Amino acid sequence: MITFVLATANPHKKVEMESVLSALNINVLPRPADVPDVDETETTLEGNALLKARALVEATGHAAVADDTGLFVDALDGEPGVYSARYAGLGASDEDNVVKLLSNLSGVGAPRTARFRTVICVAYPDGTSLSVEGVLEGTIGTEAKGSNGFGYDPVFLPSHAGGKTLAEMTLDEKNATSHRGNALRSLAEALEKR
């Protein structure tokens, strides 16, 4: 069985990633509590995912898996994009980010097309790395709905979901088609070819 140290400190991402990876026969070790947060200084999802994975390799000496995810809204020229987690400022809550997004979209009619992109990166102690991507197309609703998920899930309506937001889905429903689930399944395929 393949084992990676999980780079994320986000408890919601941890649950999603462990759920999908365990089903793919990939074991993840939790991020050590003494490893500090990694400053996401890159301007791309790929750059930030690699930065986080390499930081965990350096801290632990083990291969590590990291992700970076962004919401790209067409009517906002791709915002919030790579800055999705800090869209309303450093330390902003998920709710703060959603409120800013909906405010910036006020007056924008349907369809308010958008996509989630997740880049998953594995870094190895020998300096090599591997990156894959997952995408989920959809639209942005006019109000938050649902109590599951996190981030922008309450306002993101996947194209295939019949009007349900990601936050109205169960974890299994979300993981079956989400951007992160798609990226993790692509990772498993890429690892089989490695």
N, C-alpha and C. Protein backbone atom coordinates (compact mmCIF):
# COMPACT_ATOMS: atom_id res chain seq x y z
N MET A 1 0.84 -1.20 0.00
CA MET A 1 0.00 0.00 0.00
C MET A 1 0.88 1.25 0.00
N ILE A 2 0.52 2.22 -0.80
CA ILE A 2 1.24 3.49 -0.88
C ILE A 2 0.85 4.34 0.33
N THR A 3 1.84 5.03 0.91
CA THR A 3 1.56 5.90 2.06
C THR A 3 2.16 7.28 1.81
N PHE A 4 1.36 8.30 2.08
CA PHE A 4 1.80 9.69 2.00
C PHE A 4 1.46 10.42 3.29
N VAL A 5 2.27 11.41 3.63
CA VAL A 5 1.91 12.34 4.69
C VAL A 5 0.97 13.36 4.06
N LEU A 6 -0.11 13.65 4.75
CA LEU A 6 -1.10 14.61 4.25
C LEU A 6 -0.67 16.01 4.64
N ALA A 7 -0.56 16.89 3.67
CA ALA A 7 -0.06 18.24 3.94
C ALA A 7 -1.11 19.18 4.52
N THR A 8 -2.38 18.91 4.26
CA THR A 8 -3.40 19.87 4.68
C THR A 8 -3.59 19.90 6.18
N ALA A 9 -3.84 21.10 6.69
CA ALA A 9 -4.21 21.28 8.09
C ALA A 9 -5.71 21.57 8.18
N ASN A 10 -6.39 21.67 7.03
CA ASN A 10 -7.82 21.94 6.98
C ASN A 10 -8.58 20.66 7.32
N PRO A 11 -9.33 20.65 8.43
CA PRO A 11 -9.99 19.41 8.83
C PRO A 11 -11.03 18.91 7.82
N HIS A 12 -11.69 19.83 7.10
CA HIS A 12 -12.67 19.42 6.09
C HIS A 12 -12.00 18.73 4.91
N LYS A 13 -10.89 19.32 4.43
CA LYS A 13 -10.15 18.70 3.33
C LYS A 13 -9.59 17.35 3.76
N LYS A 14 -9.11 17.28 5.00
CA LYS A 14 -8.55 16.03 5.53
C LYS A 14 -9.58 14.90 5.44
N VAL A 15 -10.80 15.16 5.88
CA VAL A 15 -11.86 14.15 5.84
C VAL A 15 -12.13 13.71 4.40
N GLU A 16 -12.26 14.69 3.49
CA GLU A 16 -12.54 14.35 2.09
C GLU A 16 -11.40 13.55 1.48
N MET A 17 -10.17 14.00 1.69
CA MET A 17 -9.03 13.33 1.08
C MET A 17 -8.83 11.93 1.64
N GLU A 18 -8.96 11.77 2.96
CA GLU A 18 -8.81 10.44 3.55
C GLU A 18 -9.89 9.49 3.04
N SER A 19 -11.10 10.00 2.90
CA SER A 19 -12.22 9.18 2.44
C SER A 19 -11.97 8.64 1.03
N VAL A 20 -11.58 9.52 0.13
CA VAL A 20 -11.35 9.11 -1.26
C VAL A 20 -10.10 8.25 -1.38
N LEU A 21 -9.00 8.66 -0.74
CA LEU A 21 -7.74 7.93 -0.89
C LEU A 21 -7.81 6.54 -0.26
N SER A 22 -8.49 6.39 0.86
CA SER A 22 -8.58 5.06 1.47
C SER A 22 -9.34 4.10 0.54
N ALA A 23 -10.35 4.61 -0.15
CA ALA A 23 -11.10 3.79 -1.10
C ALA A 23 -10.22 3.39 -2.30
N LEU A 24 -9.17 4.16 -2.55
CA LEU A 24 -8.25 3.89 -3.66
C LEU A 24 -7.02 3.12 -3.19
N ASN A 25 -7.06 2.62 -1.94
CA ASN A 25 -5.97 1.84 -1.36
C ASN A 25 -4.69 2.65 -1.19
N ILE A 26 -4.86 3.93 -0.87
CA ILE A 26 -3.73 4.81 -0.58
C ILE A 26 -3.87 5.26 0.87
N ASN A 27 -2.84 5.01 1.66
CA ASN A 27 -2.85 5.36 3.07
C ASN A 27 -2.28 6.76 3.27
N VAL A 28 -2.89 7.53 4.15
CA VAL A 28 -2.35 8.85 4.47
C VAL A 28 -2.07 8.95 5.96
N LEU A 29 -0.95 9.53 6.27
CA LEU A 29 -0.58 9.82 7.65
C LEU A 29 -0.95 11.27 7.92
N PRO A 30 -1.42 11.58 9.13
CA PRO A 30 -1.80 12.96 9.42
C PRO A 30 -0.59 13.89 9.43
N ARG A 31 -0.85 15.12 9.11
CA ARG A 31 0.18 16.15 9.17
C ARG A 31 0.63 16.29 10.63
N PRO A 32 1.93 16.21 10.89
CA PRO A 32 2.39 16.37 12.27
C PRO A 32 1.99 17.74 12.84
N ALA A 33 1.56 17.74 14.08
CA ALA A 33 1.06 18.97 14.71
C ALA A 33 2.12 20.05 14.81
N ASP A 34 3.39 19.65 14.85
CA ASP A 34 4.46 20.65 15.02
C ASP A 34 4.93 21.26 13.70
N VAL A 35 4.33 20.87 12.59
CA VAL A 35 4.70 21.45 11.29
C VAL A 35 3.91 22.75 11.10
N PRO A 36 4.60 23.87 10.95
CA PRO A 36 3.88 25.15 10.81
C PRO A 36 3.15 25.26 9.47
N ASP A 37 2.18 26.18 9.43
CA ASP A 37 1.48 26.44 8.17
C ASP A 37 2.48 26.91 7.11
N VAL A 38 2.20 26.58 5.89
CA VAL A 38 3.04 26.98 4.77
C VAL A 38 2.42 28.22 4.13
N ASP A 39 3.20 29.27 3.96
CA ASP A 39 2.70 30.46 3.29
C ASP A 39 2.52 30.16 1.81
N GLU A 40 1.30 30.38 1.32
CA GLU A 40 0.99 30.11 -0.08
C GLU A 40 1.37 31.34 -0.90
N THR A 41 2.62 31.39 -1.28
CA THR A 41 3.17 32.57 -1.94
C THR A 41 3.17 32.47 -3.46
N GLU A 42 2.78 31.33 -3.99
CA GLU A 42 2.77 31.15 -5.44
C GLU A 42 1.50 31.78 -6.03
N THR A 43 1.51 32.00 -7.33
CA THR A 43 0.38 32.64 -8.00
C THR A 43 -0.48 31.64 -8.78
N THR A 44 -0.18 30.34 -8.63
CA THR A 44 -0.97 29.30 -9.29
C THR A 44 -1.31 28.22 -8.28
N LEU A 45 -2.38 27.48 -8.56
CA LEU A 45 -2.74 26.34 -7.72
C LEU A 45 -1.61 25.30 -7.73
N GLU A 46 -1.04 25.08 -8.90
CA GLU A 46 0.03 24.11 -9.04
C GLU A 46 1.22 24.49 -8.15
N GLY A 47 1.59 25.76 -8.19
CA GLY A 47 2.72 26.23 -7.41
C GLY A 47 2.50 26.08 -5.91
N ASN A 48 1.30 26.44 -5.46
CA ASN A 48 1.01 26.32 -4.03
C ASN A 48 0.94 24.87 -3.57
N ALA A 49 0.35 23.99 -4.37
CA ALA A 49 0.28 22.58 -3.99
C ALA A 49 1.68 21.98 -3.86
N LEU A 50 2.54 22.30 -4.82
CA LEU A 50 3.91 21.80 -4.78
C LEU A 50 4.67 22.37 -3.58
N LEU A 51 4.48 23.65 -3.31
CA LEU A 51 5.12 24.30 -2.16
C LEU A 51 4.75 23.57 -0.86
N LYS A 52 3.47 23.27 -0.69
CA LYS A 52 3.00 22.61 0.53
C LYS A 52 3.52 21.18 0.61
N ALA A 53 3.49 20.46 -0.50
CA ALA A 53 3.97 19.07 -0.48
C ALA A 53 5.47 19.02 -0.16
N ARG A 54 6.25 19.89 -0.77
CA ARG A 54 7.69 19.90 -0.51
C ARG A 54 8.01 20.29 0.93
N ALA A 55 7.22 21.19 1.50
CA ALA A 55 7.43 21.59 2.90
C ALA A 55 7.23 20.41 3.84
N LEU A 56 6.24 19.57 3.53
CA LEU A 56 5.99 18.39 4.37
C LEU A 56 7.06 17.33 4.19
N VAL A 57 7.58 17.19 2.97
CA VAL A 57 8.69 16.26 2.75
C VAL A 57 9.89 16.71 3.57
N GLU A 58 10.17 17.99 3.53
CA GLU A 58 11.31 18.53 4.27
C GLU A 58 11.14 18.34 5.78
N ALA A 59 9.91 18.51 6.25
CA ALA A 59 9.65 18.40 7.69
C ALA A 59 9.63 16.97 8.19
N THR A 60 9.23 16.02 7.33
CA THR A 60 9.03 14.64 7.79
C THR A 60 9.98 13.62 7.18
N GLY A 61 10.54 13.93 6.02
CA GLY A 61 11.37 12.95 5.33
C GLY A 61 10.59 11.91 4.55
N HIS A 62 9.26 12.06 4.53
CA HIS A 62 8.39 11.10 3.83
C HIS A 62 7.73 11.76 2.63
N ALA A 63 7.33 10.95 1.67
CA ALA A 63 6.55 11.47 0.53
C ALA A 63 5.28 12.11 1.07
N ALA A 64 4.86 13.21 0.44
CA ALA A 64 3.70 13.96 0.94
C ALA A 64 2.76 14.29 -0.20
N VAL A 65 1.47 14.41 0.15
CA VAL A 65 0.45 14.79 -0.81
C VAL A 65 -0.21 16.08 -0.33
N ALA A 66 -0.38 17.02 -1.26
CA ALA A 66 -0.97 18.32 -0.94
C ALA A 66 -1.92 18.71 -2.05
N ASP A 67 -2.86 19.60 -1.70
CA ASP A 67 -3.76 20.12 -2.73
C ASP A 67 -3.84 21.63 -2.61
N ASP A 68 -4.27 22.24 -3.67
CA ASP A 68 -4.70 23.63 -3.64
C ASP A 68 -5.91 23.71 -4.55
N THR A 69 -6.91 24.43 -4.08
CA THR A 69 -8.18 24.50 -4.77
C THR A 69 -8.60 25.95 -4.94
N GLY A 70 -9.20 26.25 -6.08
CA GLY A 70 -9.72 27.59 -6.31
C GLY A 70 -11.07 27.53 -7.00
N LEU A 71 -11.87 28.55 -6.74
CA LEU A 71 -13.15 28.73 -7.43
C LEU A 71 -12.94 29.83 -8.46
N PHE A 72 -13.26 29.54 -9.70
CA PHE A 72 -13.04 30.47 -10.81
C PHE A 72 -14.40 30.84 -11.40
N VAL A 73 -14.80 32.10 -11.20
CA VAL A 73 -16.12 32.58 -11.62
C VAL A 73 -15.96 33.41 -12.89
N ASP A 74 -16.64 32.99 -13.96
CA ASP A 74 -16.48 33.65 -15.25
C ASP A 74 -16.84 35.13 -15.22
N ALA A 75 -17.94 35.50 -14.58
CA ALA A 75 -18.38 36.90 -14.56
C ALA A 75 -17.43 37.79 -13.78
N LEU A 76 -16.54 37.20 -12.98
CA LEU A 76 -15.56 37.97 -12.20
C LEU A 76 -14.15 37.78 -12.76
N ASP A 77 -14.08 37.46 -14.05
CA ASP A 77 -12.78 37.27 -14.71
C ASP A 77 -11.89 36.26 -13.99
N GLY A 78 -12.52 35.20 -13.47
CA GLY A 78 -11.76 34.14 -12.83
C GLY A 78 -11.56 34.28 -11.33
N GLU A 79 -12.02 35.40 -10.77
CA GLU A 79 -11.90 35.53 -9.31
C GLU A 79 -12.86 34.57 -8.64
N PRO A 80 -12.59 34.19 -7.41
CA PRO A 80 -11.42 34.48 -6.58
C PRO A 80 -10.19 33.67 -6.92
N GLY A 81 -10.34 32.59 -7.69
CA GLY A 81 -9.20 31.84 -8.20
C GLY A 81 -8.26 31.34 -7.11
N VAL A 82 -6.97 31.56 -7.33
CA VAL A 82 -5.95 31.06 -6.41
C VAL A 82 -6.07 31.70 -5.03
N TYR A 83 -6.79 32.81 -4.94
CA TYR A 83 -6.96 33.51 -3.65
C TYR A 83 -8.29 33.17 -2.98
N SER A 84 -8.91 32.06 -3.36
CA SER A 84 -10.25 31.71 -2.87
C SER A 84 -10.34 31.66 -1.35
N ALA A 85 -9.35 31.07 -0.69
CA ALA A 85 -9.41 30.91 0.77
C ALA A 85 -9.27 32.24 1.50
N ARG A 86 -8.69 33.23 0.85
CA ARG A 86 -8.48 34.54 1.50
C ARG A 86 -9.12 35.68 0.69
N TYR A 87 -10.19 35.36 0.00
CA TYR A 87 -10.87 36.31 -0.88
C TYR A 87 -11.32 37.55 -0.12
N ALA A 88 -11.86 37.37 1.08
CA ALA A 88 -12.33 38.51 1.89
C ALA A 88 -11.24 39.02 2.83
N GLY A 89 -10.02 38.57 2.63
CA GLY A 89 -8.89 39.03 3.44
C GLY A 89 -8.27 37.90 4.24
N LEU A 90 -7.06 38.13 4.74
CA LEU A 90 -6.38 37.13 5.55
C LEU A 90 -7.21 36.86 6.80
N GLY A 91 -7.35 35.60 7.14
CA GLY A 91 -8.12 35.24 8.31
C GLY A 91 -9.63 35.25 8.10
N ALA A 92 -10.07 35.48 6.88
CA ALA A 92 -11.51 35.52 6.59
C ALA A 92 -12.12 34.14 6.80
N SER A 93 -13.36 34.11 7.28
CA SER A 93 -14.08 32.84 7.44
C SER A 93 -14.68 32.44 6.10
N ASP A 94 -15.13 31.18 6.03
CA ASP A 94 -15.84 30.72 4.83
C ASP A 94 -17.03 31.62 4.55
N GLU A 95 -17.76 31.97 5.60
CA GLU A 95 -18.94 32.82 5.43
C GLU A 95 -18.57 34.20 4.89
N ASP A 96 -17.46 34.77 5.38
CA ASP A 96 -16.99 36.07 4.88
C ASP A 96 -16.72 36.00 3.38
N ASN A 97 -16.06 34.92 2.95
CA ASN A 97 -15.73 34.75 1.53
C ASN A 97 -16.98 34.61 0.68
N VAL A 98 -17.96 33.85 1.17
CA VAL A 98 -19.22 33.67 0.44
C VAL A 98 -19.97 34.99 0.33
N VAL A 99 -20.01 35.74 1.42
CA VAL A 99 -20.70 37.04 1.41
C VAL A 99 -20.05 37.98 0.39
N LYS A 100 -18.73 38.01 0.35
CA LYS A 100 -18.04 38.87 -0.62
C LYS A 100 -18.32 38.41 -2.05
N LEU A 101 -18.30 37.09 -2.27
CA LEU A 101 -18.57 36.57 -3.61
C LEU A 101 -19.97 36.97 -4.07
N LEU A 102 -20.97 36.74 -3.23
CA LEU A 102 -22.35 37.07 -3.61
C LEU A 102 -22.52 38.57 -3.81
N SER A 103 -21.84 39.37 -3.00
CA SER A 103 -21.90 40.82 -3.17
C SER A 103 -21.31 41.23 -4.51
N ASN A 104 -20.17 40.65 -4.86
CA ASN A 104 -19.52 40.99 -6.14
C ASN A 104 -20.33 40.50 -7.34
N LEU A 105 -21.21 39.53 -7.12
CA LEU A 105 -22.04 39.02 -8.21
C LEU A 105 -23.44 39.64 -8.23
N SER A 106 -23.72 40.53 -7.30
CA SER A 106 -25.06 41.14 -7.30
C SER A 106 -25.27 41.88 -8.62
N GLY A 107 -26.40 41.67 -9.20
CA GLY A 107 -26.69 42.28 -10.49
C GLY A 107 -26.27 41.45 -11.68
N VAL A 108 -25.54 40.36 -11.44
CA VAL A 108 -25.13 39.46 -12.53
C VAL A 108 -26.21 38.41 -12.69
N GLY A 109 -26.78 38.33 -13.86
CA GLY A 109 -27.86 37.38 -14.11
C GLY A 109 -27.36 35.97 -14.36
N ALA A 110 -28.30 35.06 -14.40
CA ALA A 110 -27.98 33.65 -14.67
C ALA A 110 -27.68 33.47 -16.17
N PRO A 111 -26.87 32.50 -16.53
CA PRO A 111 -26.19 31.60 -15.62
C PRO A 111 -24.88 32.21 -15.14
N ARG A 112 -24.62 32.06 -13.87
CA ARG A 112 -23.36 32.58 -13.30
C ARG A 112 -22.37 31.43 -13.25
N THR A 113 -21.82 31.15 -14.42
CA THR A 113 -20.97 29.96 -14.58
C THR A 113 -19.66 30.09 -13.81
N ALA A 114 -19.22 28.93 -13.32
CA ALA A 114 -17.99 28.88 -12.53
C ALA A 114 -17.48 27.44 -12.53
N ARG A 115 -16.27 27.29 -12.03
CA ARG A 115 -15.72 25.95 -11.88
C ARG A 115 -14.78 25.94 -10.69
N PHE A 116 -14.78 24.81 -10.01
CA PHE A 116 -13.77 24.53 -9.01
C PHE A 116 -12.64 23.79 -9.69
N ARG A 117 -11.41 24.17 -9.39
CA ARG A 117 -10.23 23.45 -9.85
C ARG A 117 -9.42 23.02 -8.63
N THR A 118 -9.04 21.77 -8.58
CA THR A 118 -8.14 21.28 -7.54
C THR A 118 -6.91 20.69 -8.20
N VAL A 119 -5.76 21.09 -7.72
CA VAL A 119 -4.50 20.49 -8.14
C VAL A 119 -3.95 19.71 -6.95
N ILE A 120 -3.67 18.44 -7.19
CA ILE A 120 -3.07 17.57 -6.18
C ILE A 120 -1.62 17.35 -6.59
N CYS A 121 -0.73 17.50 -5.63
CA CYS A 121 0.70 17.31 -5.90
C CYS A 121 1.27 16.32 -4.89
N VAL A 122 2.06 15.40 -5.38
CA VAL A 122 2.84 14.51 -4.53
C VAL A 122 4.30 14.89 -4.70
N ALA A 123 4.99 15.05 -3.58
CA ALA A 123 6.43 15.33 -3.61
C ALA A 123 7.14 14.18 -2.89
N TYR A 124 8.29 13.80 -3.43
CA TYR A 124 9.06 12.69 -2.88
C TYR A 124 10.38 13.19 -2.30
N PRO A 125 10.95 12.44 -1.36
CA PRO A 125 12.22 12.85 -0.76
C PRO A 125 13.37 12.99 -1.77
N ASP A 126 13.28 12.30 -2.92
CA ASP A 126 14.36 12.41 -3.92
C ASP A 126 14.24 13.67 -4.77
N GLY A 127 13.24 14.52 -4.49
CA GLY A 127 13.08 15.78 -5.23
C GLY A 127 12.12 15.71 -6.38
N THR A 128 11.67 14.52 -6.75
CA THR A 128 10.71 14.41 -7.84
C THR A 128 9.30 14.73 -7.33
N SER A 129 8.42 14.99 -8.28
CA SER A 129 7.04 15.31 -7.90
C SER A 129 6.11 14.89 -9.04
N LEU A 130 4.83 14.91 -8.71
CA LEU A 130 3.78 14.52 -9.64
C LEU A 130 2.57 15.39 -9.35
N SER A 131 1.95 15.94 -10.40
CA SER A 131 0.76 16.78 -10.20
C SER A 131 -0.37 16.32 -11.11
N VAL A 132 -1.59 16.41 -10.60
CA VAL A 132 -2.80 16.11 -11.37
C VAL A 132 -3.85 17.16 -11.04
N GLU A 133 -4.89 17.20 -11.85
CA GLU A 133 -5.93 18.21 -11.66
C GLU A 133 -7.32 17.59 -11.76
N GLY A 134 -8.25 18.18 -11.03
CA GLY A 134 -9.66 17.82 -11.13
C GLY A 134 -10.49 19.07 -11.25
N VAL A 135 -11.56 19.01 -12.05
CA VAL A 135 -12.41 20.19 -12.31
C VAL A 135 -13.86 19.80 -12.08
N LEU A 136 -14.63 20.74 -11.56
CA LEU A 136 -16.07 20.57 -11.42
C LEU A 136 -16.75 21.82 -11.95
N GLU A 137 -17.54 21.66 -13.01
CA GLU A 137 -18.26 22.79 -13.62
C GLU A 137 -19.58 23.01 -12.91
N GLY A 138 -20.01 24.27 -12.88
CA GLY A 138 -21.30 24.57 -12.27
C GLY A 138 -21.63 26.04 -12.37
N THR A 139 -22.51 26.48 -11.47
CA THR A 139 -22.92 27.88 -11.41
C THR A 139 -22.94 28.32 -9.95
N ILE A 140 -22.99 29.63 -9.76
CA ILE A 140 -23.08 30.21 -8.42
C ILE A 140 -24.53 30.62 -8.17
N GLY A 141 -25.09 30.11 -7.08
CA GLY A 141 -26.46 30.45 -6.70
C GLY A 141 -26.56 31.87 -6.15
N THR A 142 -27.76 32.28 -5.81
CA THR A 142 -27.98 33.63 -5.28
C THR A 142 -28.00 33.66 -3.76
N GLU A 143 -28.05 32.47 -3.14
CA GLU A 143 -28.03 32.41 -1.68
C GLU A 143 -27.43 31.08 -1.24
N ALA A 144 -26.92 31.08 -0.01
CA ALA A 144 -26.33 29.87 0.54
C ALA A 144 -27.41 28.86 0.90
N LYS A 145 -27.16 27.58 0.56
CA LYS A 145 -28.10 26.50 0.87
C LYS A 145 -27.31 25.27 1.29
N GLY A 146 -27.76 24.61 2.35
CA GLY A 146 -27.15 23.37 2.81
C GLY A 146 -26.19 23.60 3.95
N SER A 147 -25.99 22.55 4.73
CA SER A 147 -25.14 22.66 5.92
C SER A 147 -23.94 21.71 5.88
N ASN A 148 -23.78 20.97 4.79
CA ASN A 148 -22.62 20.09 4.66
C ASN A 148 -21.51 20.84 3.92
N GLY A 149 -20.36 20.26 3.87
CA GLY A 149 -19.27 20.86 3.11
C GLY A 149 -18.67 22.06 3.80
N PHE A 150 -17.93 22.85 3.03
CA PHE A 150 -17.21 24.01 3.56
C PHE A 150 -16.87 24.94 2.42
N GLY A 151 -16.25 26.05 2.74
CA GLY A 151 -15.86 27.00 1.71
C GLY A 151 -17.06 27.54 0.95
N TYR A 152 -16.99 27.46 -0.37
CA TYR A 152 -18.05 27.98 -1.23
C TYR A 152 -19.13 26.94 -1.55
N ASP A 153 -19.07 25.78 -0.91
CA ASP A 153 -20.02 24.70 -1.19
C ASP A 153 -21.49 25.14 -1.11
N PRO A 154 -21.88 26.01 -0.14
CA PRO A 154 -23.30 26.38 -0.04
C PRO A 154 -23.84 27.19 -1.22
N VAL A 155 -22.97 27.77 -2.05
CA VAL A 155 -23.45 28.56 -3.19
C VAL A 155 -23.06 27.97 -4.54
N PHE A 156 -22.37 26.82 -4.53
CA PHE A 156 -21.93 26.22 -5.79
C PHE A 156 -22.87 25.10 -6.18
N LEU A 157 -23.48 25.25 -7.36
CA LEU A 157 -24.42 24.25 -7.89
C LEU A 157 -23.74 23.50 -9.04
N PRO A 158 -23.30 22.26 -8.79
CA PRO A 158 -22.67 21.50 -9.87
C PRO A 158 -23.64 21.30 -11.03
N SER A 159 -23.14 21.31 -12.23
CA SER A 159 -23.97 21.19 -13.43
C SER A 159 -24.81 19.92 -13.43
N HIS A 160 -24.32 18.86 -12.85
CA HIS A 160 -24.98 17.55 -12.89
C HIS A 160 -25.93 17.31 -11.72
N ALA A 161 -26.06 18.25 -10.78
CA ALA A 161 -26.70 17.95 -9.49
C ALA A 161 -28.18 18.33 -9.41
N GLY A 162 -28.78 18.76 -10.49
CA GLY A 162 -30.21 19.04 -10.48
C GLY A 162 -30.63 20.16 -9.54
N GLY A 163 -29.78 21.16 -9.38
CA GLY A 163 -30.13 22.31 -8.55
C GLY A 163 -29.67 22.22 -7.11
N LYS A 164 -29.01 21.14 -6.72
CA LYS A 164 -28.48 21.01 -5.36
C LYS A 164 -27.11 21.67 -5.29
N THR A 165 -26.84 22.32 -4.16
CA THR A 165 -25.49 22.83 -3.93
C THR A 165 -24.61 21.70 -3.40
N LEU A 166 -23.31 21.91 -3.43
CA LEU A 166 -22.41 20.92 -2.84
C LEU A 166 -22.70 20.73 -1.36
N ALA A 167 -23.15 21.78 -0.69
CA ALA A 167 -23.44 21.71 0.74
C ALA A 167 -24.74 20.96 1.04
N GLU A 168 -25.53 20.68 0.01
CA GLU A 168 -26.75 19.89 0.19
C GLU A 168 -26.51 18.40 -0.09
N MET A 169 -25.29 18.05 -0.45
CA MET A 169 -24.95 16.65 -0.76
C MET A 169 -24.31 15.99 0.45
N THR A 170 -24.41 14.67 0.49
CA THR A 170 -23.66 13.92 1.50
C THR A 170 -22.19 13.91 1.09
N LEU A 171 -21.33 13.52 2.03
CA LEU A 171 -19.91 13.43 1.71
C LEU A 171 -19.67 12.45 0.56
N ASP A 172 -20.34 11.31 0.59
CA ASP A 172 -20.16 10.33 -0.49
C ASP A 172 -20.63 10.87 -1.83
N GLU A 173 -21.77 11.58 -1.85
CA GLU A 173 -22.26 12.17 -3.10
C GLU A 173 -21.28 13.19 -3.63
N LYS A 174 -20.77 14.03 -2.74
CA LYS A 174 -19.82 15.06 -3.17
C LYS A 174 -18.54 14.42 -3.69
N ASN A 175 -17.97 13.49 -2.94
CA ASN A 175 -16.70 12.87 -3.33
C ASN A 175 -16.80 12.13 -4.66
N ALA A 176 -17.99 11.63 -4.99
CA ALA A 176 -18.16 10.85 -6.22
C ALA A 176 -17.93 11.69 -7.48
N THR A 177 -18.15 13.00 -7.39
CA THR A 177 -18.05 13.83 -8.61
C THR A 177 -17.30 15.15 -8.41
N SER A 178 -16.84 15.43 -7.21
CA SER A 178 -16.25 16.74 -6.94
C SER A 178 -14.88 16.92 -7.60
N HIS A 179 -14.46 18.16 -7.66
CA HIS A 179 -13.15 18.53 -8.18
C HIS A 179 -12.04 17.80 -7.42
N ARG A 180 -12.13 17.76 -6.09
CA ARG A 180 -11.10 17.11 -5.29
C ARG A 180 -11.15 15.60 -5.50
N GLY A 181 -12.36 15.03 -5.52
CA GLY A 181 -12.50 13.60 -5.77
C GLY A 181 -11.95 13.22 -7.14
N ASN A 182 -12.26 14.03 -8.16
CA ASN A 182 -11.75 13.77 -9.51
C ASN A 182 -10.22 13.83 -9.54
N ALA A 183 -9.65 14.82 -8.86
CA ALA A 183 -8.19 14.96 -8.84
C ALA A 183 -7.54 13.77 -8.11
N LEU A 184 -8.14 13.33 -7.01
CA LEU A 184 -7.58 12.20 -6.27
C LEU A 184 -7.67 10.91 -7.07
N ARG A 185 -8.74 10.71 -7.81
CA ARG A 185 -8.83 9.53 -8.67
C ARG A 185 -7.79 9.60 -9.80
N SER A 186 -7.56 10.80 -10.32
CA SER A 186 -6.51 10.96 -11.34
C SER A 186 -5.14 10.66 -10.74
N LEU A 187 -4.95 11.04 -9.49
CA LEU A 187 -3.68 10.74 -8.81
C LEU A 187 -3.47 9.24 -8.72
N ALA A 188 -4.50 8.51 -8.33
CA ALA A 188 -4.37 7.05 -8.23
C ALA A 188 -3.98 6.45 -9.57
N GLU A 189 -4.60 6.93 -10.67
CA GLU A 189 -4.26 6.44 -12.00
C GLU A 189 -2.80 6.76 -12.35
N ALA A 190 -2.38 7.98 -12.02
CA ALA A 190 -1.02 8.39 -12.33
C ALA A 190 0.00 7.58 -11.53
N LEU A 191 -0.34 7.25 -10.29
CA LEU A 191 0.58 6.47 -9.45
C LEU A 191 0.71 5.05 -9.99
N GLU A 192 -0.35 4.50 -10.56
CA GLU A 192 -0.27 3.15 -11.14
C GLU A 192 0.69 3.10 -12.32
N LYS A 193 0.81 4.21 -13.03
CA LYS A 193 1.68 4.28 -14.21
C LYS A 193 3.12 4.62 -13.83
N ARG A 194 3.33 5.07 -12.61
CA ARG A 194 4.66 5.54 -12.19
C ARG A 194 5.62 4.39 -12.04
